[in-house]
PDB file of N, CA and C in Angstrom:
ATOM      1  N   UNK A   1      21.335  21.064 -17.101  1.00  0.00           N
ATOM      2  CA  UNK A   1      20.335  20.579 -16.178  1.00  0.00           C
ATOM      3  C   UNK A   1      19.415  19.621 -16.916  1.00  0.00           C
ATOM      4  N   UNK A   2      19.035  18.569 -16.244  1.00  0.00           N
ATOM      5  CA  UNK A   2      18.089  17.616 -16.801  1.00  0.00           C
ATOM      6  C   UNK A   2      16.812  17.676 -15.979  1.00  0.00           C
ATOM      7  N   UNK A   3      15.701  17.463 -16.650  1.00  0.00           N
ATOM      8  CA  UNK A   3      14.402  17.499 -15.988  1.00  0.00           C
ATOM      9  C   UNK A   3      13.730  16.149 -16.215  1.00  0.00           C
ATOM     10  N   UNK A   4      13.424  15.490 -15.129  1.00  0.00           N
ATOM     11  CA  UNK A   4      12.706  14.216 -15.185  1.00  0.00           C
ATOM     12  C   UNK A   4      11.235  14.559 -14.999  1.00  0.00           C
ATOM     13  N   UNK A   5      10.414  14.170 -15.940  1.00  0.00           N
ATOM     14  CA  UNK A   5       9.008  14.543 -15.955  1.00  0.00           C
ATOM     15  C   UNK A   5       8.128  13.306 -15.813  1.00  0.00           C
ATOM     16  N   UNK A   6       7.159  13.383 -14.925  1.00  0.00           N
ATOM     17  CA  UNK A   6       6.126  12.341 -14.855  1.00  0.00           C
ATOM     18  C   UNK A   6       4.804  13.031 -15.146  1.00  0.00           C
ATOM     19  N   UNK A   7       4.115  12.557 -16.169  1.00  0.00           N
ATOM     20  CA  UNK A   7       2.827  13.109 -16.559  1.00  0.00           C
ATOM     21  C   UNK A   7       1.726  12.170 -16.084  1.00  0.00           C
ATOM     22  N   UNK A   8       0.687  12.754 -15.513  1.00  0.00           N
ATOM     23  CA  UNK A   8      -0.438  11.988 -14.969  1.00  0.00           C
ATOM     24  C   UNK A   8      -1.727  12.438 -15.632  1.00  0.00           C
ATOM     25  N   UNK A   9      -2.587  11.490 -15.912  1.00  0.00           N
ATOM     26  CA  UNK A   9      -3.946  11.789 -16.325  1.00  0.00           C
ATOM     27  C   UNK A   9      -4.836  11.244 -15.210  1.00  0.00           C
ATOM     28  N   UNK A  10      -5.585  12.163 -14.596  1.00  0.00           N
ATOM     29  CA  UNK A  10      -6.341  11.853 -13.389  1.00  0.00           C
ATOM     30  C   UNK A  10      -7.830  12.055 -13.662  1.00  0.00           C
ATOM     31  N   UNK A  11      -8.620  11.043 -13.348  1.00  0.00           N
ATOM     32  CA  UNK A  11     -10.071  11.139 -13.526  1.00  0.00           C
ATOM     33  C   UNK A  11     -10.649  12.189 -12.575  1.00  0.00           C
ATOM     34  N   UNK A  12     -11.718  12.848 -13.009  1.00  0.00           N
ATOM     35  CA  UNK A  12     -12.314  13.929 -12.219  1.00  0.00           C
ATOM     36  C   UNK A  12     -12.815  13.461 -10.858  1.00  0.00           C
ATOM     37  N   UNK A  13     -13.179  12.203 -10.725  1.00  0.00           N
ATOM     38  CA  UNK A  13     -13.707  11.681  -9.468  1.00  0.00           C
ATOM     39  C   UNK A  13     -12.684  11.778  -8.320  1.00  0.00           C
ATOM     40  N   UNK A  14     -11.379  11.758  -8.621  1.00  0.00           N
ATOM     41  CA  UNK A  14     -10.354  11.863  -7.574  1.00  0.00           C
ATOM     42  C   UNK A  14      -9.460  13.092  -7.731  1.00  0.00           C
ATOM     43  N   UNK A  15      -9.707  13.915  -8.735  1.00  0.00           N
ATOM     44  CA  UNK A  15      -8.777  14.994  -9.068  1.00  0.00           C
ATOM     45  C   UNK A  15      -8.436  15.897  -7.880  1.00  0.00           C
ATOM     46  N   UNK A  16      -9.424  16.405  -7.175  1.00  0.00           N
ATOM     47  CA  UNK A  16      -9.156  17.344  -6.083  1.00  0.00           C
ATOM     48  C   UNK A  16      -8.374  16.681  -4.951  1.00  0.00           C
ATOM     49  N   UNK A  17      -8.765  15.489  -4.550  1.00  0.00           N
ATOM     50  CA  UNK A  17      -8.050  14.774  -3.479  1.00  0.00           C
ATOM     51  C   UNK A  17      -6.640  14.400  -3.925  1.00  0.00           C
ATOM     52  N   UNK A  18      -6.504  13.989  -5.180  1.00  0.00           N
ATOM     53  CA  UNK A  18      -5.196  13.622  -5.727  1.00  0.00           C
ATOM     54  C   UNK A  18      -4.258  14.829  -5.704  1.00  0.00           C
ATOM     55  N   UNK A  19      -4.730  15.965  -6.232  1.00  0.00           N
ATOM     56  CA  UNK A  19      -3.897  17.168  -6.305  1.00  0.00           C
ATOM     57  C   UNK A  19      -3.507  17.671  -4.913  1.00  0.00           C
ATOM     58  N   UNK A  20      -4.423  17.621  -3.973  1.00  0.00           N
ATOM     59  CA  UNK A  20      -4.130  18.058  -2.602  1.00  0.00           C
ATOM     60  C   UNK A  20      -3.101  17.145  -1.953  1.00  0.00           C
ATOM     61  N   UNK A  21      -3.256  15.838  -2.118  1.00  0.00           N
ATOM     62  CA  UNK A  21      -2.301  14.889  -1.552  1.00  0.00           C
ATOM     63  C   UNK A  21      -0.902  15.088  -2.133  1.00  0.00           C
ATOM     64  N   UNK A  22      -0.831  15.221  -3.441  1.00  0.00           N
ATOM     65  CA  UNK A  22       0.458  15.419  -4.112  1.00  0.00           C
ATOM     66  C   UNK A  22       1.117  16.704  -3.615  1.00  0.00           C
ATOM     67  N   UNK A  23       0.348  17.785  -3.525  1.00  0.00           N
ATOM     68  CA  UNK A  23       0.869  19.094  -3.132  1.00  0.00           C
ATOM     69  C   UNK A  23       1.271  19.151  -1.660  1.00  0.00           C
ATOM     70  N   UNK A  24       0.439  18.651  -0.788  1.00  0.00           N
ATOM     71  CA  UNK A  24       0.656  18.827   0.660  1.00  0.00           C
ATOM     72  C   UNK A  24       1.495  17.731   1.304  1.00  0.00           C
ATOM     73  N   UNK A  25       1.449  16.513   0.754  1.00  0.00           N
ATOM     74  CA  UNK A  25       2.129  15.398   1.414  1.00  0.00           C
ATOM     75  C   UNK A  25       3.257  14.770   0.591  1.00  0.00           C
ATOM     76  N   UNK A  26       2.955  14.424  -0.646  1.00  0.00           N
ATOM     77  CA  UNK A  26       3.905  13.643  -1.438  1.00  0.00           C
ATOM     78  C   UNK A  26       5.128  14.447  -1.876  1.00  0.00           C
ATOM     79  N   UNK A  27       4.930  15.542  -2.576  1.00  0.00           N
ATOM     80  CA  UNK A  27       6.075  16.280  -3.120  1.00  0.00           C
ATOM     81  C   UNK A  27       6.968  16.918  -2.056  1.00  0.00           C
ATOM     82  N   UNK A  28       6.436  17.405  -0.938  1.00  0.00           N
ATOM     83  CA  UNK A  28       7.349  17.897   0.105  1.00  0.00           C
ATOM     84  C   UNK A  28       8.317  16.816   0.613  1.00  0.00           C
ATOM     85  N   UNK A  29       7.873  15.560   0.670  1.00  0.00           N
ATOM     86  CA  UNK A  29       8.750  14.457   1.095  1.00  0.00           C
ATOM     87  C   UNK A  29       9.845  14.191   0.065  1.00  0.00           C
ATOM     88  N   UNK A  30       9.504  14.268  -1.196  1.00  0.00           N
ATOM     89  CA  UNK A  30      10.418  13.940  -2.288  1.00  0.00           C
ATOM     90  C   UNK A  30      11.405  15.078  -2.559  1.00  0.00           C
ATOM     91  N   UNK A  31      11.005  16.309  -2.295  1.00  0.00           N
ATOM     92  CA  UNK A  31      11.762  17.488  -2.737  1.00  0.00           C
ATOM     93  C   UNK A  31      13.170  17.593  -2.167  1.00  0.00           C
ATOM     94  N   UNK A  32      13.448  16.956  -1.059  1.00  0.00           N
ATOM     95  CA  UNK A  32      14.798  17.065  -0.485  1.00  0.00           C
ATOM     96  C   UNK A  32      15.860  16.315  -1.292  1.00  0.00           C
ATOM     97  N   UNK A  33      15.442  15.512  -2.229  1.00  0.00           N
ATOM     98  CA  UNK A  33      16.376  14.678  -2.985  1.00  0.00           C
ATOM     99  C   UNK A  33      16.683  15.182  -4.388  1.00  0.00           C
ATOM    100  N   UNK A  34      16.075  16.297  -4.778  1.00  0.00           N
ATOM    101  CA  UNK A  34      16.339  16.898  -6.080  1.00  0.00           C
ATOM    102  C   UNK A  34      16.481  18.407  -5.890  1.00  0.00           C
ATOM    103  N   UNK A  35      16.892  19.099  -6.929  1.00  0.00           N
ATOM    104  CA  UNK A  35      17.098  20.545  -6.846  1.00  0.00           C
ATOM    105  C   UNK A  35      15.780  21.296  -6.657  1.00  0.00           C
ATOM    106  N   UNK A  36      14.765  20.915  -7.441  1.00  0.00           N
ATOM    107  CA  UNK A  36      13.476  21.614  -7.426  1.00  0.00           C
ATOM    108  C   UNK A  36      12.434  20.711  -8.055  1.00  0.00           C
ATOM    109  N   UNK A  37      11.179  20.879  -7.641  1.00  0.00           N
ATOM    110  CA  UNK A  37      10.061  20.166  -8.272  1.00  0.00           C
ATOM    111  C   UNK A  37       9.001  21.190  -8.627  1.00  0.00           C
ATOM    112  N   UNK A  38       8.506  21.119  -9.851  1.00  0.00           N
ATOM    113  CA  UNK A  38       7.361  21.925 -10.258  1.00  0.00           C
ATOM    114  C   UNK A  38       6.178  20.992 -10.487  1.00  0.00           C
ATOM    115  N   UNK A  39       5.019  21.394  -9.997  1.00  0.00           N
ATOM    116  CA  UNK A  39       3.779  20.681 -10.262  1.00  0.00           C
ATOM    117  C   UNK A  39       2.961  21.550 -11.192  1.00  0.00           C
ATOM    118  N   UNK A  40       2.617  21.023 -12.357  1.00  0.00           N
ATOM    119  CA  UNK A  40       1.919  21.786 -13.383  1.00  0.00           C
ATOM    120  C   UNK A  40       0.609  21.102 -13.748  1.00  0.00           C
ATOM    121  N   UNK A  41      -0.384  21.893 -14.058  1.00  0.00           N
ATOM    122  CA  UNK A  41      -1.616  21.346 -14.625  1.00  0.00           C
ATOM    123  C   UNK A  41      -1.570  21.649 -16.115  1.00  0.00           C
ATOM    124  N   UNK A  42      -1.798  20.644 -16.930  1.00  0.00           N
ATOM    125  CA  UNK A  42      -1.681  20.750 -18.385  1.00  0.00           C
ATOM    126  C   UNK A  42      -3.070  20.927 -18.980  1.00  0.00           C
ATOM    127  N   UNK A  43      -3.188  21.878 -19.883  1.00  0.00           N
ATOM    128  CA  UNK A  43      -4.431  22.086 -20.604  1.00  0.00           C
ATOM    129  C   UNK A  43      -4.152  21.913 -22.089  1.00  0.00           C
ATOM    130  N   UNK A  44      -4.885  21.027 -22.729  1.00  0.00           N
ATOM    131  CA  UNK A  44      -4.712  20.802 -24.160  1.00  0.00           C
ATOM    132  C   UNK A  44      -5.414  21.907 -24.930  1.00  0.00           C
ATOM    133  N   UNK A  45      -4.684  22.554 -25.804  1.00  0.00           N
ATOM    134  CA  UNK A  45      -5.246  23.652 -26.585  1.00  0.00           C
ATOM    135  C   UNK A  45      -5.437  23.232 -28.032  1.00  0.00           C
ATOM    136  N   UNK A  46      -4.423  22.579 -28.598  1.00  0.00           N
ATOM    137  CA  UNK A  46      -4.461  22.255 -30.008  1.00  0.00           C
ATOM    138  C   UNK A  46      -3.525  21.086 -30.277  1.00  0.00           C
ATOM    139  N   UNK A  47      -3.833  20.315 -31.290  1.00  0.00           N
ATOM    140  CA  UNK A  47      -2.907  19.299 -31.764  1.00  0.00           C
ATOM    141  C   UNK A  47      -3.089  17.916 -31.180  1.00  0.00           C
ATOM    142  N   UNK A  48      -3.898  17.794 -30.151  1.00  0.00           N
ATOM    143  CA  UNK A  48      -4.158  16.472 -29.588  1.00  0.00           C
ATOM    144  C   UNK A  48      -5.607  16.456 -29.115  1.00  0.00           C
ATOM    145  N   UNK A  49      -6.245  15.338 -29.319  1.00  0.00           N
ATOM    146  CA  UNK A  49      -7.623  15.227 -28.872  1.00  0.00           C
ATOM    147  C   UNK A  49      -7.636  15.214 -27.344  1.00  0.00           C
ATOM    148  N   UNK A  50      -8.495  16.009 -26.755  1.00  0.00           N
ATOM    149  CA  UNK A  50      -8.574  16.086 -25.297  1.00  0.00           C
ATOM    150  C   UNK A  50      -8.829  14.702 -24.707  1.00  0.00           C
ATOM    151  N   UNK A  51      -8.171  14.427 -23.594  1.00  0.00           N
ATOM    152  CA  UNK A  51      -8.333  13.151 -22.921  1.00  0.00           C
ATOM    153  C   UNK A  51      -9.354  13.303 -21.808  1.00  0.00           C
ATOM    154  N   UNK A  52      -9.927  12.189 -21.405  1.00  0.00           N
ATOM    155  CA  UNK A  52     -10.869  12.204 -20.292  1.00  0.00           C
ATOM    156  C   UNK A  52     -10.069  12.374 -19.007  1.00  0.00           C
ATOM    157  N   UNK A  53     -10.425  13.335 -18.203  1.00  0.00           N
ATOM    158  CA  UNK A  53      -9.703  13.597 -16.965  1.00  0.00           C
ATOM    159  C   UNK A  53      -8.794  14.798 -17.108  1.00  0.00           C
ATOM    160  N   UNK A  54      -8.097  15.124 -16.028  1.00  0.00           N
ATOM    161  CA  UNK A  54      -7.167  16.252 -16.011  1.00  0.00           C
ATOM    162  C   UNK A  54      -5.738  15.741 -16.088  1.00  0.00           C
ATOM    163  N   UNK A  55      -4.882  16.515 -16.722  1.00  0.00           N
ATOM    164  CA  UNK A  55      -3.488  16.127 -16.891  1.00  0.00           C
ATOM    165  C   UNK A  55      -2.608  17.015 -16.016  1.00  0.00           C
ATOM    166  N   UNK A  56      -1.703  16.374 -15.306  1.00  0.00           N
ATOM    167  CA  UNK A  56      -0.746  17.055 -14.447  1.00  0.00           C
ATOM    168  C   UNK A  56       0.658  16.611 -14.818  1.00  0.00           C
ATOM    169  N   UNK A  57       1.617  17.463 -14.536  1.00  0.00           N
ATOM    170  CA  UNK A  57       3.020  17.139 -14.786  1.00  0.00           C
ATOM    171  C   UNK A  57       3.828  17.450 -13.535  1.00  0.00           C
ATOM    172  N   UNK A  58       4.639  16.488 -13.108  1.00  0.00           N
ATOM    173  CA  UNK A  58       5.617  16.708 -12.041  1.00  0.00           C
ATOM    174  C   UNK A  58       6.965  16.795 -12.726  1.00  0.00           C
ATOM    175  N   UNK A  59       7.641  17.914 -12.557  1.00  0.00           N
ATOM    176  CA  UNK A  59       8.952  18.086 -13.180  1.00  0.00           C
ATOM    177  C   UNK A  59      10.008  18.179 -12.087  1.00  0.00           C
ATOM    178  N   UNK A  60      10.933  17.236 -12.120  1.00  0.00           N
ATOM    179  CA  UNK A  60      12.001  17.136 -11.133  1.00  0.00           C
ATOM    180  C   UNK A  60      13.279  17.683 -11.761  1.00  0.00           C
ATOM    181  N   UNK A  61      13.746  18.812 -11.266  1.00  0.00           N
ATOM    182  CA  UNK A  61      14.937  19.466 -11.811  1.00  0.00           C
ATOM    183  C   UNK A  61      16.177  18.852 -11.178  1.00  0.00           C
ATOM    184  N   UNK A  62      17.060  18.349 -12.009  1.00  0.00           N
ATOM    185  CA  UNK A  62      18.236  17.618 -11.567  1.00  0.00           C
ATOM    186  C   UNK A  62      19.494  18.353 -12.013  1.00  0.00           C
ATOM    187  N   UNK A  63      20.080  19.097 -11.098  1.00  0.00           N
ATOM    188  CA  UNK A  63      21.299  19.840 -11.382  1.00  0.00           C
ATOM    189  C   UNK A  63      22.492  18.898 -11.355  1.00  0.00           C
ATOM    190  N   UNK A  64      22.483  17.966 -10.412  1.00  0.00           N
ATOM    191  CA  UNK A  64      23.577  17.001 -10.260  1.00  0.00           C
ATOM    192  C   UNK A  64      23.160  15.664 -10.852  1.00  0.00           C
ATOM    193  N   UNK A  65      24.122  14.916 -11.324  1.00  0.00           N
ATOM    194  CA  UNK A  65      23.812  13.592 -11.877  1.00  0.00           C
ATOM    195  C   UNK A  65      23.207  12.683 -10.815  1.00  0.00           C
ATOM    196  N   UNK A  66      23.587  12.905  -9.546  1.00  0.00           N
ATOM    197  CA  UNK A  66      23.023  12.094  -8.456  1.00  0.00           C
ATOM    198  C   UNK A  66      21.519  12.330  -8.315  1.00  0.00           C
ATOM    199  N   UNK A  67      21.075  13.566  -8.575  1.00  0.00           N
ATOM    200  CA  UNK A  67      19.642  13.861  -8.515  1.00  0.00           C
ATOM    201  C   UNK A  67      18.889  13.027  -9.552  1.00  0.00           C
ATOM    202  N   UNK A  68      19.401  13.024 -10.780  1.00  0.00           N
ATOM    203  CA  UNK A  68      18.741  12.282 -11.856  1.00  0.00           C
ATOM    204  C   UNK A  68      18.742  10.787 -11.562  1.00  0.00           C
ATOM    205  N   UNK A  69      19.850  10.274 -11.100  1.00  0.00           N
ATOM    206  CA  UNK A  69      19.915   8.846 -10.756  1.00  0.00           C
ATOM    207  C   UNK A  69      18.937   8.504  -9.646  1.00  0.00           C
ATOM    208  N   UNK A  70      18.834   9.387  -8.649  1.00  0.00           N
ATOM    209  CA  UNK A  70      17.921   9.131  -7.536  1.00  0.00           C
ATOM    210  C   UNK A  70      16.479   9.089  -8.018  1.00  0.00           C
ATOM    211  N   UNK A  71      16.082  10.077  -8.824  1.00  0.00           N
ATOM    212  CA  UNK A  71      14.688  10.121  -9.263  1.00  0.00           C
ATOM    213  C   UNK A  71      14.373   8.961 -10.204  1.00  0.00           C
ATOM    214  N   UNK A  72      15.322   8.591 -11.074  1.00  0.00           N
ATOM    215  CA  UNK A  72      15.093   7.462 -11.985  1.00  0.00           C
ATOM    216  C   UNK A  72      14.996   6.148 -11.238  1.00  0.00           C
ATOM    217  N   UNK A  73      15.885   5.930 -10.273  1.00  0.00           N
ATOM    218  CA  UNK A  73      15.987   4.621  -9.626  1.00  0.00           C
ATOM    219  C   UNK A  73      15.190   4.474  -8.336  1.00  0.00           C
ATOM    220  N   UNK A  74      14.916   5.571  -7.656  1.00  0.00           N
ATOM    221  CA  UNK A  74      14.220   5.494  -6.371  1.00  0.00           C
ATOM    222  C   UNK A  74      12.974   6.374  -6.347  1.00  0.00           C
ATOM    223  N   UNK A  75      13.150   7.654  -6.636  1.00  0.00           N
ATOM    224  CA  UNK A  75      12.068   8.620  -6.496  1.00  0.00           C
ATOM    225  C   UNK A  75      10.836   8.311  -7.322  1.00  0.00           C
ATOM    226  N   UNK A  76      11.031   7.933  -8.573  1.00  0.00           N
ATOM    227  CA  UNK A  76       9.899   7.612  -9.440  1.00  0.00           C
ATOM    228  C   UNK A  76       9.086   6.475  -8.839  1.00  0.00           C
ATOM    229  N   UNK A  77       9.765   5.428  -8.414  1.00  0.00           N
ATOM    230  CA  UNK A  77       9.064   4.279  -7.821  1.00  0.00           C
ATOM    231  C   UNK A  77       8.354   4.661  -6.528  1.00  0.00           C
ATOM    232  N   UNK A  78       8.989   5.516  -5.740  1.00  0.00           N
ATOM    233  CA  UNK A  78       8.392   5.983  -4.497  1.00  0.00           C
ATOM    234  C   UNK A  78       7.108   6.764  -4.766  1.00  0.00           C
ATOM    235  N   UNK A  79       7.144   7.655  -5.743  1.00  0.00           N
ATOM    236  CA  UNK A  79       5.950   8.411  -6.126  1.00  0.00           C
ATOM    237  C   UNK A  79       4.836   7.450  -6.534  1.00  0.00           C
ATOM    238  N   UNK A  80       5.153   6.498  -7.404  1.00  0.00           N
ATOM    239  CA  UNK A  80       4.140   5.558  -7.891  1.00  0.00           C
ATOM    240  C   UNK A  80       3.563   4.709  -6.755  1.00  0.00           C
ATOM    241  N   UNK A  81       4.421   4.190  -5.895  1.00  0.00           N
ATOM    242  CA  UNK A  81       3.947   3.349  -4.793  1.00  0.00           C
ATOM    243  C   UNK A  81       3.008   4.114  -3.870  1.00  0.00           C
ATOM    244  N   UNK A  82       3.400   5.336  -3.519  1.00  0.00           N
ATOM    245  CA  UNK A  82       2.553   6.133  -2.624  1.00  0.00           C
ATOM    246  C   UNK A  82       1.216   6.478  -3.279  1.00  0.00           C
ATOM    247  N   UNK A  83       1.231   6.806  -4.558  1.00  0.00           N
ATOM    248  CA  UNK A  83      -0.016   7.129  -5.243  1.00  0.00           C
ATOM    249  C   UNK A  83      -0.905   5.902  -5.414  1.00  0.00           C
ATOM    250  N   UNK A  84      -0.313   4.765  -5.721  1.00  0.00           N
ATOM    251  CA  UNK A  84      -1.109   3.537  -5.871  1.00  0.00           C
ATOM    252  C   UNK A  84      -1.768   3.150  -4.555  1.00  0.00           C
ATOM    253  N   UNK A  85      -1.041   3.313  -3.450  1.00  0.00           N
ATOM    254  CA  UNK A  85      -1.632   3.002  -2.137  1.00  0.00           C
ATOM    255  C   UNK A  85      -2.799   3.927  -1.815  1.00  0.00           C
ATOM    256  N   UNK A  86      -2.636   5.213  -2.113  1.00  0.00           N
ATOM    257  CA  UNK A  86      -3.657   6.212  -1.779  1.00  0.00           C
ATOM    258  C   UNK A  86      -4.801   6.217  -2.789  1.00  0.00           C
ATOM    259  N   UNK A  87      -4.462   6.045  -4.064  1.00  0.00           N
ATOM    260  CA  UNK A  87      -5.445   6.099  -5.155  1.00  0.00           C
ATOM    261  C   UNK A  87      -5.215   4.886  -6.069  1.00  0.00           C
ATOM    262  N   UNK A  88      -5.801   3.734  -5.732  1.00  0.00           N
ATOM    263  CA  UNK A  88      -5.504   2.510  -6.487  1.00  0.00           C
ATOM    264  C   UNK A  88      -6.034   2.481  -7.917  1.00  0.00           C
ATOM    265  N   UNK A  89      -6.898   3.433  -8.281  1.00  0.00           N
ATOM    266  CA  UNK A  89      -7.438   3.449  -9.647  1.00  0.00           C
ATOM    267  C   UNK A  89      -7.757   4.883 -10.044  1.00  0.00           C
ATOM    268  N   UNK A  90      -8.221   5.063 -11.236  1.00  0.00           N
ATOM    269  CA  UNK A  90      -8.672   6.352 -11.777  1.00  0.00           C
ATOM    270  C   UNK A  90      -7.547   7.295 -12.180  1.00  0.00           C
ATOM    271  N   UNK A  91      -6.359   6.773 -12.486  1.00  0.00           N
ATOM    272  CA  UNK A  91      -5.275   7.609 -12.999  1.00  0.00           C
ATOM    273  C   UNK A  91      -4.265   6.727 -13.735  1.00  0.00           C
ATOM    274  N   UNK A  92      -3.512   7.347 -14.638  1.00  0.00           N
ATOM    275  CA  UNK A  92      -2.411   6.687 -15.340  1.00  0.00           C
ATOM    276  C   UNK A  92      -1.236   7.661 -15.369  1.00  0.00           C
ATOM    277  N   UNK A  93      -0.039   7.134 -15.651  1.00  0.00           N
ATOM    278  CA  UNK A  93       1.150   7.988 -15.674  1.00  0.00           C
ATOM    279  C   UNK A  93       2.162   7.474 -16.684  1.00  0.00           C
ATOM    280  N   UNK A  94       3.014   8.396 -17.164  1.00  0.00           N
ATOM    281  CA  UNK A  94       4.172   8.021 -17.973  1.00  0.00           C
ATOM    282  C   UNK A  94       5.286   9.018 -17.699  1.00  0.00           C
ATOM    283  N   UNK A  95       6.527   8.589 -17.900  1.00  0.00           N
ATOM    284  CA  UNK A  95       7.691   9.427 -17.589  1.00  0.00           C
ATOM    285  C   UNK A  95       8.465   9.777 -18.857  1.00  0.00           C
ATOM    286  N   UNK A  96       9.075  10.971 -18.820  1.00  0.00           N
ATOM    287  CA  UNK A  96       9.969  11.415 -19.885  1.00  0.00           C
ATOM    288  C   UNK A  96      11.143  12.143 -19.247  1.00  0.00           C
ATOM    289  N   UNK A  97      12.241  12.218 -19.964  1.00  0.00           N
ATOM    290  CA  UNK A  97      13.399  12.981 -19.495  1.00  0.00           C
ATOM    291  C   UNK A  97      13.615  14.147 -20.444  1.00  0.00           C
ATOM    292  N   UNK A  98      13.674  15.342 -19.899  1.00  0.00           N
ATOM    293  CA  UNK A  98      13.882  16.541 -20.680  1.00  0.00           C
ATOM    294  C   UNK A  98      15.278  17.062 -20.385  1.00  0.00           C
ATOM    295  N   UNK A  99      15.946  17.554 -21.376  1.00  0.00           N
ATOM    296  CA  UNK A  99      17.254  18.167 -21.164  1.00  0.00           C
ATOM    297  C   UNK A  99      17.145  19.648 -21.450  1.00  0.00           C
ATOM    298  N   UNK A 100      17.448  20.466 -20.456  1.00  0.00           N
ATOM    299  CA  UNK A 100      17.398  21.910 -20.627  1.00  0.00           C
ATOM    300  C   UNK A 100      18.529  22.329 -21.551  1.00  0.00           C
ATOM    301  N   UNK A 101      18.196  23.032 -22.607  1.00  0.00           N
ATOM    302  CA  UNK A 101      19.197  23.491 -23.550  1.00  0.00           C
ATOM    303  C   UNK A 101      19.478  24.977 -23.406  1.00  0.00           C
ATOM    304  N   UNK A 102      18.410  25.805 -23.418  1.00  0.00           N
ATOM    305  CA  UNK A 102      18.652  27.231 -23.446  1.00  0.00           C
ATOM    306  C   UNK A 102      17.362  27.986 -23.203  1.00  0.00           C
ATOM    307  N   UNK A 103      17.460  29.132 -22.551  1.00  0.00           N
ATOM    308  CA  UNK A 103      16.318  30.045 -22.410  1.00  0.00           C
ATOM    309  C   UNK A 103      16.473  31.157 -23.441  1.00  0.00           C
ATOM    310  N   UNK A 104      15.381  31.623 -23.993  1.00  0.00           N
ATOM    311  CA  UNK A 104      15.402  32.710 -24.971  1.00  0.00           C
ATOM    312  C   UNK A 104      14.622  33.896 -24.430  1.00  0.00           C
TER     313      UNK A 104
END
């Protein structure tokens, strides 16, 4: 399984509205195209200087190669476009791809 991750740093001025929009409107629309989506709030504990704002992670679980291709080529852009329209400033994002290896 591969996990496509988009990490967001959201300024406190829009955090509550951003999180509600993502949870109630955005991710339910996207979820039909991948196996599962987890929305996580990240808290820095050690090893990195805390950033201004709150950090969130959207993890798109891709069981099939078609899921990963969809999120890379369509879903990611769709998420960004919808967020930019709703919240034109006060947040940044970056994407990573995680490969599930093993649970212990």
